[in-house]
Amino acid sequence: MTGEVRNGGGRALDELEIRVFYLETDGSPHLNDAAPSPGRPTFSKAWPVLANSALEGDVVKPLAPGESRTFAIDIPYSYDLEDGEKPRIEFGGAATALRFSK
């Protein structure tokens, strides 16, 4: 899937880590399949801003206040579905780590 992040703060970011996951029908995060125990993860992480990345391009540039950046991520498919249930196609995300520029 693809997404976009926007720096809504007043300081530039050197690093941003986000976790993207499926949403349950009630809107809560679906982070792991129930079986087999302990369950497979159904989320993934992306780093749309990473100053020390080996990748080239915008990913190594700080994310200035008000600026947006797109990213792409693969998310493991969830197998926690009842027979005949529609697959989950709604996603959520959360910032799990960030580092401000000096």
PDB file of N, CA and C in Angstrom:
ATOM      1  N   MET A   1       0.838  -1.165   0.000  1.00  0.00           N
ATOM      2  CA  MET A   1       0.000   0.000   0.000  1.00  0.00           C
ATOM      3  C   MET A   1       0.886   1.232   0.000  1.00  0.00           C
ATOM      4  N   THR A   2       0.317   2.338  -0.340  1.00  0.00           N
ATOM      5  CA  THR A   2       1.045   3.600  -0.296  1.00  0.00           C
ATOM      6  C   THR A   2       0.353   4.530   0.690  1.00  0.00           C
ATOM      7  N   GLY A   3       1.109   5.444   1.222  1.00  0.00           N
ATOM      8  CA  GLY A   3       0.565   6.401   2.166  1.00  0.00           C
ATOM      9  C   GLY A   3       1.315   7.703   2.084  1.00  0.00           C
ATOM     10  N   GLU A   4       0.888   8.645   2.884  1.00  0.00           N
ATOM     11  CA  GLU A   4       1.540   9.947   2.923  1.00  0.00           C
ATOM     12  C   GLU A   4       1.548  10.432   4.372  1.00  0.00           C
ATOM     13  N   VAL A   5       2.674  10.977   4.785  1.00  0.00           N
ATOM     14  CA  VAL A   5       2.794  11.575   6.115  1.00  0.00           C
ATOM     15  C   VAL A   5       3.027  13.066   5.948  1.00  0.00           C
ATOM     16  N   ARG A   6       2.564  13.817   6.933  1.00  0.00           N
ATOM     17  CA  ARG A   6       2.740  15.274   6.908  1.00  0.00           C
ATOM     18  C   ARG A   6       3.257  15.708   8.269  1.00  0.00           C
ATOM     19  N   ASN A   7       4.245  16.568   8.261  1.00  0.00           N
ATOM     20  CA  ASN A   7       4.789  17.117   9.492  1.00  0.00           C
ATOM     21  C   ASN A   7       3.913  18.285   9.926  1.00  0.00           C
ATOM     22  N   GLY A   8       3.063  18.046  10.912  1.00  0.00           N
ATOM     23  CA  GLY A   8       2.160  19.071  11.412  1.00  0.00           C
ATOM     24  C   GLY A   8       2.742  19.863  12.561  1.00  0.00           C
ATOM     25  N   GLY A   9       3.997  19.564  12.921  1.00  0.00           N
ATOM     26  CA  GLY A   9       4.644  20.261  14.029  1.00  0.00           C
ATOM     27  C   GLY A   9       5.409  21.478  13.570  1.00  0.00           C
ATOM     28  N   GLY A  10       6.134  22.050  14.502  1.00  0.00           N
ATOM     29  CA  GLY A  10       6.896  23.257  14.218  1.00  0.00           C
ATOM     30  C   GLY A  10       8.390  23.027  14.064  1.00  0.00           C
ATOM     31  N   ARG A  11       8.835  21.756  14.114  1.00  0.00           N
ATOM     32  CA  ARG A  11      10.260  21.433  13.989  1.00  0.00           C
ATOM     33  C   ARG A  11      10.457  20.391  12.895  1.00  0.00           C
ATOM     34  N   ALA A  12      11.596  20.459  12.223  1.00  0.00           N
ATOM     35  CA  ALA A  12      11.924  19.482  11.174  1.00  0.00           C
ATOM     36  C   ALA A  12      12.250  18.135  11.814  1.00  0.00           C
ATOM     37  N   LEU A  13      11.985  17.058  11.080  1.00  0.00           N
ATOM     38  CA  LEU A  13      12.263  15.694  11.535  1.00  0.00           C
ATOM     39  C   LEU A  13      13.395  15.087  10.728  1.00  0.00           C
ATOM     40  N   ASP A  14      14.350  14.442  11.408  1.00  0.00           N
ATOM     41  CA  ASP A  14      15.405  13.677  10.745  1.00  0.00           C
ATOM     42  C   ASP A  14      15.019  12.219  10.579  1.00  0.00           C
ATOM     43  N   GLU A  15      14.178  11.716  11.484  1.00  0.00           N
ATOM     44  CA  GLU A  15      13.748  10.315  11.417  1.00  0.00           C
ATOM     45  C   GLU A  15      12.282  10.215  11.815  1.00  0.00           C
ATOM     46  N   LEU A  16      11.568   9.354  11.098  1.00  0.00           N
ATOM     47  CA  LEU A  16      10.178   9.057  11.421  1.00  0.00           C
ATOM     48  C   LEU A  16       9.927   7.593  11.121  1.00  0.00           C
ATOM     49  N   GLU A  17       9.506   6.861  12.135  1.00  0.00           N
ATOM     50  CA  GLU A  17       9.140   5.452  11.994  1.00  0.00           C
ATOM     51  C   GLU A  17       7.638   5.352  12.222  1.00  0.00           C
ATOM     52  N   ILE A  18       6.949   4.687  11.299  1.00  0.00           N
ATOM     53  CA  ILE A  18       5.513   4.501  11.471  1.00  0.00           C
ATOM     54  C   ILE A  18       5.169   3.030  11.356  1.00  0.00           C
ATOM     55  N   ARG A  19       4.126   2.642  12.083  1.00  0.00           N
ATOM     56  CA  ARG A  19       3.611   1.278  12.017  1.00  0.00           C
ATOM     57  C   ARG A  19       2.259   1.346  11.326  1.00  0.00           C
ATOM     58  N   VAL A  20       2.060   0.511  10.300  1.00  0.00           N
ATOM     59  CA  VAL A  20       0.812   0.471   9.549  1.00  0.00           C
ATOM     60  C   VAL A  20       0.184  -0.893   9.776  1.00  0.00           C
ATOM     61  N   PHE A  21      -1.126  -0.916  10.016  1.00  0.00           N
ATOM     62  CA  PHE A  21      -1.813  -2.147  10.399  1.00  0.00           C
ATOM     63  C   PHE A  21      -3.230  -2.165   9.839  1.00  0.00           C
ATOM     64  N   TYR A  22      -3.823  -3.353   9.833  1.00  0.00           N
ATOM     65  CA  TYR A  22      -5.231  -3.505   9.474  1.00  0.00           C
ATOM     66  C   TYR A  22      -6.085  -2.995  10.627  1.00  0.00           C
ATOM     67  N   LEU A  23      -7.305  -2.584  10.304  1.00  0.00           N
ATOM     68  CA  LEU A  23      -8.249  -2.170  11.328  1.00  0.00           C
ATOM     69  C   LEU A  23      -9.344  -3.217  11.467  1.00  0.00           C
ATOM     70  N   GLU A  24      -9.732  -3.481  12.717  1.00  0.00           N
ATOM     71  CA  GLU A  24     -10.881  -4.338  12.984  1.00  0.00           C
ATOM     72  C   GLU A  24     -12.146  -3.580  12.582  1.00  0.00           C
ATOM     73  N   THR A  25     -13.268  -4.266  12.540  1.00  0.00           N
ATOM     74  CA  THR A  25     -14.513  -3.608  12.157  1.00  0.00           C
ATOM     75  C   THR A  25     -14.908  -2.514  13.146  1.00  0.00           C
ATOM     76  N   ASP A  26     -14.440  -2.608  14.413  1.00  0.00           N
ATOM     77  CA  ASP A  26     -14.739  -1.566  15.396  1.00  0.00           C
ATOM     78  C   ASP A  26     -13.723  -0.421  15.371  1.00  0.00           C
ATOM     79  N   GLY A  27     -12.747  -0.483  14.453  1.00  0.00           N
ATOM     80  CA  GLY A  27     -11.751   0.571  14.311  1.00  0.00           C
ATOM     81  C   GLY A  27     -10.486   0.368  15.122  1.00  0.00           C
ATOM     82  N   SER A  28     -10.431  -0.698  15.920  1.00  0.00           N
ATOM     83  CA  SER A  28      -9.226  -0.967  16.714  1.00  0.00           C
ATOM     84  C   SER A  28      -8.155  -1.629  15.845  1.00  0.00           C
ATOM     85  N   PRO A  29      -6.880  -1.505  16.225  1.00  0.00           N
ATOM     86  CA  PRO A  29      -5.792  -2.120  15.445  1.00  0.00           C
ATOM     87  C   PRO A  29      -5.842  -3.648  15.488  1.00  0.00           C
ATOM     88  N   HIS A  30      -5.610  -4.270  14.354  1.00  0.00           N
ATOM     89  CA  HIS A  30      -5.466  -5.731  14.269  1.00  0.00           C
ATOM     90  C   HIS A  30      -3.974  -5.978  14.021  1.00  0.00           C
ATOM     91  N   LEU A  31      -3.215  -6.263  15.101  1.00  0.00           N
ATOM     92  CA  LEU A  31      -1.755  -6.345  15.014  1.00  0.00           C
ATOM     93  C   LEU A  31      -1.213  -7.757  14.847  1.00  0.00           C
ATOM     94  N   ASN A  32      -1.974  -8.769  15.279  1.00  0.00           N
ATOM     95  CA  ASN A  32      -1.526 -10.165  15.190  1.00  0.00           C
ATOM     96  C   ASN A  32      -2.707 -11.071  14.920  1.00  0.00           C
ATOM     97  N   ASP A  33      -2.464 -12.100  14.090  1.00  0.00           N
ATOM     98  CA  ASP A  33      -3.465 -13.139  13.920  1.00  0.00           C
ATOM     99  C   ASP A  33      -3.581 -13.930  15.215  1.00  0.00           C
ATOM    100  N   ALA A  34      -4.746 -14.464  15.502  1.00  0.00           N
ATOM    101  CA  ALA A  34      -4.970 -15.211  16.739  1.00  0.00           C
ATOM    102  C   ALA A  34      -4.267 -16.564  16.731  1.00  0.00           C
ATOM    103  N   ALA A  35      -4.168 -17.196  15.585  1.00  0.00           N
ATOM    104  CA  ALA A  35      -3.545 -18.530  15.523  1.00  0.00           C
ATOM    105  C   ALA A  35      -2.566 -18.549  14.367  1.00  0.00           C
ATOM    106  N   PRO A  36      -1.545 -19.335  14.371  1.00  0.00           N
ATOM    107  CA  PRO A  36      -1.120 -20.175  15.490  1.00  0.00           C
ATOM    108  C   PRO A  36      -0.500 -19.315  16.580  1.00  0.00           C
ATOM    109  N   SER A  37      -0.603 -19.794  17.792  1.00  0.00           N
ATOM    110  CA  SER A  37      -0.050 -19.052  18.923  1.00  0.00           C
ATOM    111  C   SER A  37       1.462 -18.979  18.789  1.00  0.00           C
ATOM    112  N   PRO A  38       2.126 -17.872  18.953  1.00  0.00           N
ATOM    113  CA  PRO A  38       1.624 -16.588  19.427  1.00  0.00           C
ATOM    114  C   PRO A  38       1.029 -15.712  18.347  1.00  0.00           C
ATOM    115  N   GLY A  39       0.772 -16.195  17.180  1.00  0.00           N
ATOM    116  CA  GLY A  39       0.139 -15.408  16.135  1.00  0.00           C
ATOM    117  C   GLY A  39       1.133 -14.661  15.271  1.00  0.00           C
ATOM    118  N   ARG A  40       0.804 -14.573  14.000  1.00  0.00           N
ATOM    119  CA  ARG A  40       1.671 -13.863  13.054  1.00  0.00           C
ATOM    120  C   ARG A  40       1.357 -12.376  13.078  1.00  0.00           C
ATOM    121  N   PRO A  41       2.392 -11.541  12.945  1.00  0.00           N
ATOM    122  CA  PRO A  41       2.140 -10.097  12.876  1.00  0.00           C
ATOM    123  C   PRO A  41       1.349  -9.746  11.616  1.00  0.00           C
ATOM    124  N   THR A  42       0.463  -8.808  11.733  1.00  0.00           N
ATOM    125  CA  THR A  42      -0.295  -8.313  10.583  1.00  0.00           C
ATOM    126  C   THR A  42      -0.088  -6.796  10.477  1.00  0.00           C
ATOM    127  N   PHE A  43       1.144  -6.388  10.755  1.00  0.00           N
ATOM    128  CA  PHE A  43       1.510  -4.984  10.627  1.00  0.00           C
ATOM    129  C   PHE A  43       2.920  -4.935  10.045  1.00  0.00           C
ATOM    130  N   SER A  44       3.321  -3.752   9.654  1.00  0.00           N
ATOM    131  CA  SER A  44       4.682  -3.550   9.164  1.00  0.00           C
ATOM    132  C   SER A  44       5.102  -2.134   9.523  1.00  0.00           C
ATOM    133  N   LYS A  45       6.389  -1.880   9.470  1.00  0.00           N
ATOM    134  CA  LYS A  45       6.915  -0.550   9.769  1.00  0.00           C
ATOM    135  C   LYS A  45       7.561   0.055   8.535  1.00  0.00           C
ATOM    136  N   ALA A  46       7.524   1.369   8.469  1.00  0.00           N
ATOM    137  CA  ALA A  46       8.141   2.115   7.367  1.00  0.00           C
ATOM    138  C   ALA A  46       8.887   3.302   7.954  1.00  0.00           C
ATOM    139  N   TRP A  47       9.888   3.738   7.237  1.00  0.00           N
ATOM    140  CA  TRP A  47      10.691   4.886   7.636  1.00  0.00           C
ATOM    141  C   TRP A  47      10.696   5.891   6.487  1.00  0.00           C
ATOM    142  N   PRO A  48       9.652   6.731   6.370  1.00  0.00           N
ATOM    143  CA  PRO A  48       9.608   7.702   5.280  1.00  0.00           C
ATOM    144  C   PRO A  48      10.632   8.823   5.429  1.00  0.00           C
ATOM    145  N   VAL A  49      11.190   8.971   6.637  1.00  0.00           N
ATOM    146  CA  VAL A  49      12.244   9.939   6.890  1.00  0.00           C
ATOM    147  C   VAL A  49      13.317   9.206   7.692  1.00  0.00           C
ATOM    148  N   LEU A  50      14.511   9.083   7.104  1.00  0.00           N
ATOM    149  CA  LEU A  50      15.594   8.382   7.791  1.00  0.00           C
ATOM    150  C   LEU A  50      16.914   8.949   7.303  1.00  0.00           C
ATOM    151  N   ALA A  51      17.497   9.831   8.095  1.00  0.00           N
ATOM    152  CA  ALA A  51      18.697  10.573   7.700  1.00  0.00           C
ATOM    153  C   ALA A  51      19.864   9.671   7.329  1.00  0.00           C
ATOM    154  N   ASN A  52      20.010   8.529   7.985  1.00  0.00           N
ATOM    155  CA  ASN A  52      21.151   7.641   7.695  1.00  0.00           C
ATOM    156  C   ASN A  52      20.760   6.453   6.817  1.00  0.00           C
ATOM    157  N   SER A  53      19.715   6.606   6.010  1.00  0.00           N
ATOM    158  CA  SER A  53      19.256   5.528   5.136  1.00  0.00           C
ATOM    159  C   SER A  53      20.257   5.251   4.013  1.00  0.00           C
ATOM    160  N   ALA A  54      20.329   3.996   3.603  1.00  0.00           N
ATOM    161  CA  ALA A  54      21.155   3.620   2.452  1.00  0.00           C
ATOM    162  C   ALA A  54      20.435   3.936   1.144  1.00  0.00           C
ATOM    163  N   LEU A  55      19.157   4.266   1.219  1.00  0.00           N
ATOM    164  CA  LEU A  55      18.386   4.610   0.025  1.00  0.00           C
ATOM    165  C   LEU A  55      18.714   6.029  -0.414  1.00  0.00           C
ATOM    166  N   GLU A  56      18.506   6.290  -1.671  1.00  0.00           N
ATOM    167  CA  GLU A  56      18.708   7.637  -2.194  1.00  0.00           C
ATOM    168  C   GLU A  56      17.367   8.336  -2.319  1.00  0.00           C
ATOM    169  N   GLY A  57      17.405   9.632  -2.442  1.00  0.00           N
ATOM    170  CA  GLY A  57      16.183  10.390  -2.663  1.00  0.00           C
ATOM    171  C   GLY A  57      15.749  11.155  -1.433  1.00  0.00           C
ATOM    172  N   ASP A  58      14.450  11.489  -1.402  1.00  0.00           N
ATOM    173  CA  ASP A  58      13.908  12.338  -0.343  1.00  0.00           C
ATOM    174  C   ASP A  58      13.975  11.715   1.044  1.00  0.00           C
ATOM    175  N   VAL A  59      14.035  10.401   1.137  1.00  0.00           N
ATOM    176  CA  VAL A  59      14.005   9.734   2.446  1.00  0.00           C
ATOM    177  C   VAL A  59      15.109  10.236   3.377  1.00  0.00           C
ATOM    178  N   VAL A  60      16.248  10.661   2.845  1.00  0.00           N
ATOM    179  CA  VAL A  60      17.365  11.114   3.687  1.00  0.00           C
ATOM    180  C   VAL A  60      17.279  12.601   4.036  1.00  0.00           C
ATOM    181  N   LYS A  61      16.377  13.322   3.409  1.00  0.00           N
ATOM    182  CA  LYS A  61      16.230  14.751   3.678  1.00  0.00           C
ATOM    183  C   LYS A  61      15.308  14.960   4.876  1.00  0.00           C
ATOM    184  N   PRO A  62      15.594  15.945   5.727  1.00  0.00           N
ATOM    185  CA  PRO A  62      14.680  16.239   6.836  1.00  0.00           C
ATOM    186  C   PRO A  62      13.284  16.590   6.311  1.00  0.00           C
ATOM    187  N   LEU A  63      12.284  16.272   7.108  1.00  0.00           N
ATOM    188  CA  LEU A  63      10.898  16.597   6.773  1.00  0.00           C
ATOM    189  C   LEU A  63      10.550  17.903   7.483  1.00  0.00           C
ATOM    190  N   ALA A  64      10.472  18.974   6.719  1.00  0.00           N
ATOM    191  CA  ALA A  64      10.246  20.313   7.267  1.00  0.00           C
ATOM    192  C   ALA A  64       8.808  20.471   7.760  1.00  0.00           C
ATOM    193  N   PRO A  65       8.571  21.411   8.666  1.00  0.00           N
ATOM    194  CA  PRO A  65       7.205  21.674   9.114  1.00  0.00           C
ATOM    195  C   PRO A  65       6.285  21.979   7.937  1.00  0.00           C
ATOM    196  N   GLY A  66       5.120  21.343   7.929  1.00  0.00           N
ATOM    197  CA  GLY A  66       4.155  21.535   6.852  1.00  0.00           C
ATOM    198  C   GLY A  66       4.403  20.686   5.623  1.00  0.00           C
ATOM    199  N   GLU A  67       5.566  20.064   5.525  1.00  0.00           N
ATOM    200  CA  GLU A  67       5.916  19.259   4.361  1.00  0.00           C
ATOM    201  C   GLU A  67       5.288  17.865   4.456  1.00  0.00           C
ATOM    202  N   SER A  68       4.981  17.288   3.290  1.00  0.00           N
ATOM    203  CA  SER A  68       4.441  15.927   3.201  1.00  0.00           C
ATOM    204  C   SER A  68       5.400  15.036   2.447  1.00  0.00           C
ATOM    205  N   ARG A  69       5.299  13.728   2.710  1.00  0.00           N
ATOM    206  CA  ARG A  69       6.138  12.763   2.008  1.00  0.00           C
ATOM    207  C   ARG A  69       5.346  11.472   1.832  1.00  0.00           C
ATOM    208  N   THR A  70       5.461  10.871   0.647  1.00  0.00           N
ATOM    209  CA  THR A  70       4.795   9.598   0.388  1.00  0.00           C
ATOM    210  C   THR A  70       5.726   8.439   0.721  1.00  0.00           C
ATOM    211  N   PHE A  71       5.138   7.268   0.928  1.00  0.00           N
ATOM    212  CA  PHE A  71       5.905   6.058   1.201  1.00  0.00           C
ATOM    213  C   PHE A  71       5.104   4.863   0.703  1.00  0.00           C
ATOM    214  N   ALA A  72       5.784   3.746   0.535  1.00  0.00           N
ATOM    215  CA  ALA A  72       5.146   2.486   0.152  1.00  0.00           C
ATOM    216  C   ALA A  72       5.550   1.430   1.166  1.00  0.00           C
ATOM    217  N   ILE A  73       4.629   0.497   1.450  1.00  0.00           N
ATOM    218  CA  ILE A  73       4.876  -0.519   2.471  1.00  0.00           C
ATOM    219  C   ILE A  73       4.117  -1.795   2.120  1.00  0.00           C
ATOM    220  N   ASP A  74       4.715  -2.929   2.427  1.00  0.00           N
ATOM    221  CA  ASP A  74       4.042  -4.226   2.304  1.00  0.00           C
ATOM    222  C   ASP A  74       3.568  -4.633   3.692  1.00  0.00           C
ATOM    223  N   ILE A  75       2.319  -5.075   3.783  1.00  0.00           N
ATOM    224  CA  ILE A  75       1.756  -5.498   5.068  1.00  0.00           C
ATOM    225  C   ILE A  75       1.356  -6.966   4.949  1.00  0.00           C
ATOM    226  N   PRO A  76       1.796  -7.809   5.898  1.00  0.00           N
ATOM    227  CA  PRO A  76       1.415  -9.227   5.841  1.00  0.00           C
ATOM    228  C   PRO A  76      -0.105  -9.379   5.873  1.00  0.00           C
ATOM    229  N   TYR A  77      -0.610 -10.271   5.048  1.00  0.00           N
ATOM    230  CA  TYR A  77      -2.045 -10.495   5.000  1.00  0.00           C
ATOM    231  C   TYR A  77      -2.532 -11.145   6.290  1.00  0.00           C
ATOM    232  N   SER A  78      -3.715 -10.773   6.729  1.00  0.00           N
ATOM    233  CA  SER A  78      -4.317 -11.373   7.916  1.00  0.00           C
ATOM    234  C   SER A  78      -5.098 -12.619   7.524  1.00  0.00           C
ATOM    235  N   TYR A  79      -4.871 -13.702   8.256  1.00  0.00           N
ATOM    236  CA  TYR A  79      -5.608 -14.945   8.021  1.00  0.00           C
ATOM    237  C   TYR A  79      -6.679 -15.168   9.080  1.00  0.00           C
ATOM    238  N   ASP A  80      -6.934 -14.190   9.931  1.00  0.00           N
ATOM    239  CA  ASP A  80      -7.970 -14.276  10.964  1.00  0.00           C
ATOM    240  C   ASP A  80      -9.330 -13.922  10.390  1.00  0.00           C
ATOM    241  N   LEU A  81      -9.791 -14.658   9.441  1.00  0.00           N
ATOM    242  CA  LEU A  81     -11.089 -14.391   8.836  1.00  0.00           C
ATOM    243  C   LEU A  81     -11.970 -15.627   8.960  1.00  0.00           C
ATOM    244  N   GLU A  82     -13.233 -15.415   9.241  1.00  0.00           N
ATOM    245  CA  GLU A  82     -14.193 -16.514   9.240  1.00  0.00           C
ATOM    246  C   GLU A  82     -14.530 -16.822   7.793  1.00  0.00           C
ATOM    247  N   ASP A  83     -14.953 -18.058   7.521  1.00  0.00           N
ATOM    248  CA  ASP A  83     -15.348 -18.425   6.157  1.00  0.00           C
ATOM    249  C   ASP A  83     -16.421 -17.476   5.651  1.00  0.00           C
ATOM    250  N   GLY A  84     -16.212 -16.952   4.462  1.00  0.00           N
ATOM    251  CA  GLY A  84     -17.170 -16.056   3.845  1.00  0.00           C
ATOM    252  C   GLY A  84     -17.035 -14.603   4.276  1.00  0.00           C
ATOM    253  N   GLU A  85     -16.187 -14.317   5.273  1.00  0.00           N
ATOM    254  CA  GLU A  85     -16.006 -12.943   5.733  1.00  0.00           C
ATOM    255  C   GLU A  85     -15.175 -12.164   4.709  1.00  0.00           C
ATOM    256  N   LYS A  86     -15.518 -10.907   4.505  1.00  0.00           N
ATOM    257  CA  LYS A  86     -14.745 -10.076   3.595  1.00  0.00           C
ATOM    258  C   LYS A  86     -13.376  -9.797   4.204  1.00  0.00           C
ATOM    259  N   PRO A  87     -12.329  -9.764   3.388  1.00  0.00           N
ATOM    260  CA  PRO A  87     -11.003  -9.432   3.925  1.00  0.00           C
ATOM    261  C   PRO A  87     -10.953  -7.991   4.409  1.00  0.00           C
ATOM    262  N   ARG A  88     -10.120  -7.759   5.398  1.00  0.00           N
ATOM    263  CA  ARG A  88      -9.938  -6.404   5.924  1.00  0.00           C
ATOM    264  C   ARG A  88      -9.200  -5.560   4.886  1.00  0.00           C
ATOM    265  N   ILE A  89      -9.751  -4.418   4.582  1.00  0.00           N
ATOM    266  CA  ILE A  89      -9.089  -3.554   3.607  1.00  0.00           C
ATOM    267  C   ILE A  89      -8.899  -2.141   4.145  1.00  0.00           C
ATOM    268  N   GLU A  90      -9.230  -1.916   5.414  1.00  0.00           N
ATOM    269  CA  GLU A  90      -9.004  -0.614   6.014  1.00  0.00           C
ATOM    270  C   GLU A  90      -7.737  -0.678   6.847  1.00  0.00           C
ATOM    271  N   PHE A  91      -6.978   0.416   6.819  1.00  0.00           N
ATOM    272  CA  PHE A  91      -5.694   0.457   7.496  1.00  0.00           C
ATOM    273  C   PHE A  91      -5.623   1.633   8.447  1.00  0.00           C
ATOM    274  N   GLY A  92      -4.780   1.504   9.441  1.00  0.00           N
ATOM    275  CA  GLY A  92      -4.475   2.583  10.357  1.00  0.00           C
ATOM    276  C   GLY A  92      -2.968   2.713  10.461  1.00  0.00           C
ATOM    277  N   GLY A  93      -2.524   3.735  11.126  1.00  0.00           N
ATOM    278  CA  GLY A  93      -1.090   3.923  11.301  1.00  0.00           C
ATOM    279  C   GLY A  93      -0.813   4.749  12.538  1.00  0.00           C
ATOM    280  N   ALA A  94       0.401   4.620  13.029  1.00  0.00           N
ATOM    281  CA  ALA A  94       0.827   5.377  14.209  1.00  0.00           C
ATOM    282  C   ALA A  94       2.317   5.638  14.127  1.00  0.00           C
ATOM    283  N   ALA A  95       2.725   6.818  14.556  1.00  0.00           N
ATOM    284  CA  ALA A  95       4.154   7.103  14.676  1.00  0.00           C
ATOM    285  C   ALA A  95       4.676   6.344  15.884  1.00  0.00           C
ATOM    286  N   THR A  96       5.713   5.536  15.695  1.00  0.00           N
ATOM    287  CA  THR A  96       6.270   4.751  16.801  1.00  0.00           C
ATOM    288  C   THR A  96       7.620   5.267  17.243  1.00  0.00           C
ATOM    289  N   ALA A  97       8.251   6.127  16.455  1.00  0.00           N
ATOM    290  CA  ALA A  97       9.519   6.749  16.836  1.00  0.00           C
ATOM    291  C   ALA A  97       9.753   7.957  15.939  1.00  0.00           C
ATOM    292  N   LEU A  98      10.386   8.973  16.495  1.00  0.00           N
ATOM    293  CA  LEU A  98      10.796  10.127  15.691  1.00  0.00           C
ATOM    294  C   LEU A  98      11.981  10.801  16.341  1.00  0.00           C
ATOM    295  N   ARG A  99      12.727  11.509  15.497  1.00  0.00           N
ATOM    296  CA  ARG A  99      13.863  12.284  15.987  1.00  0.00           C
ATOM    297  C   ARG A  99      13.840  13.627  15.301  1.00  0.00           C
ATOM    298  N   PHE A 100      13.900  14.681  16.105  1.00  0.00           N
ATOM    299  CA  PHE A 100      13.880  16.033  15.559  1.00  0.00           C
ATOM    300  C   PHE A 100      15.254  16.416  15.043  1.00  0.00           C
ATOM    301  N   SER A 101      15.284  17.301  14.051  1.00  0.00           N
ATOM    302  CA  SER A 101      16.536  17.864  13.559  1.00  0.00           C
ATOM    303  C   SER A 101      17.086  18.802  14.621  1.00  0.00           C
ATOM    304  N   LYS A 102      18.393  18.992  14.587  1.00  0.00           N
ATOM    305  CA  LYS A 102      19.022  19.912  15.546  1.00  0.00           C
ATOM    306  C   LYS A 102      18.893  21.340  15.082  1.00  0.00           C
TER     307      LYS A 102
END
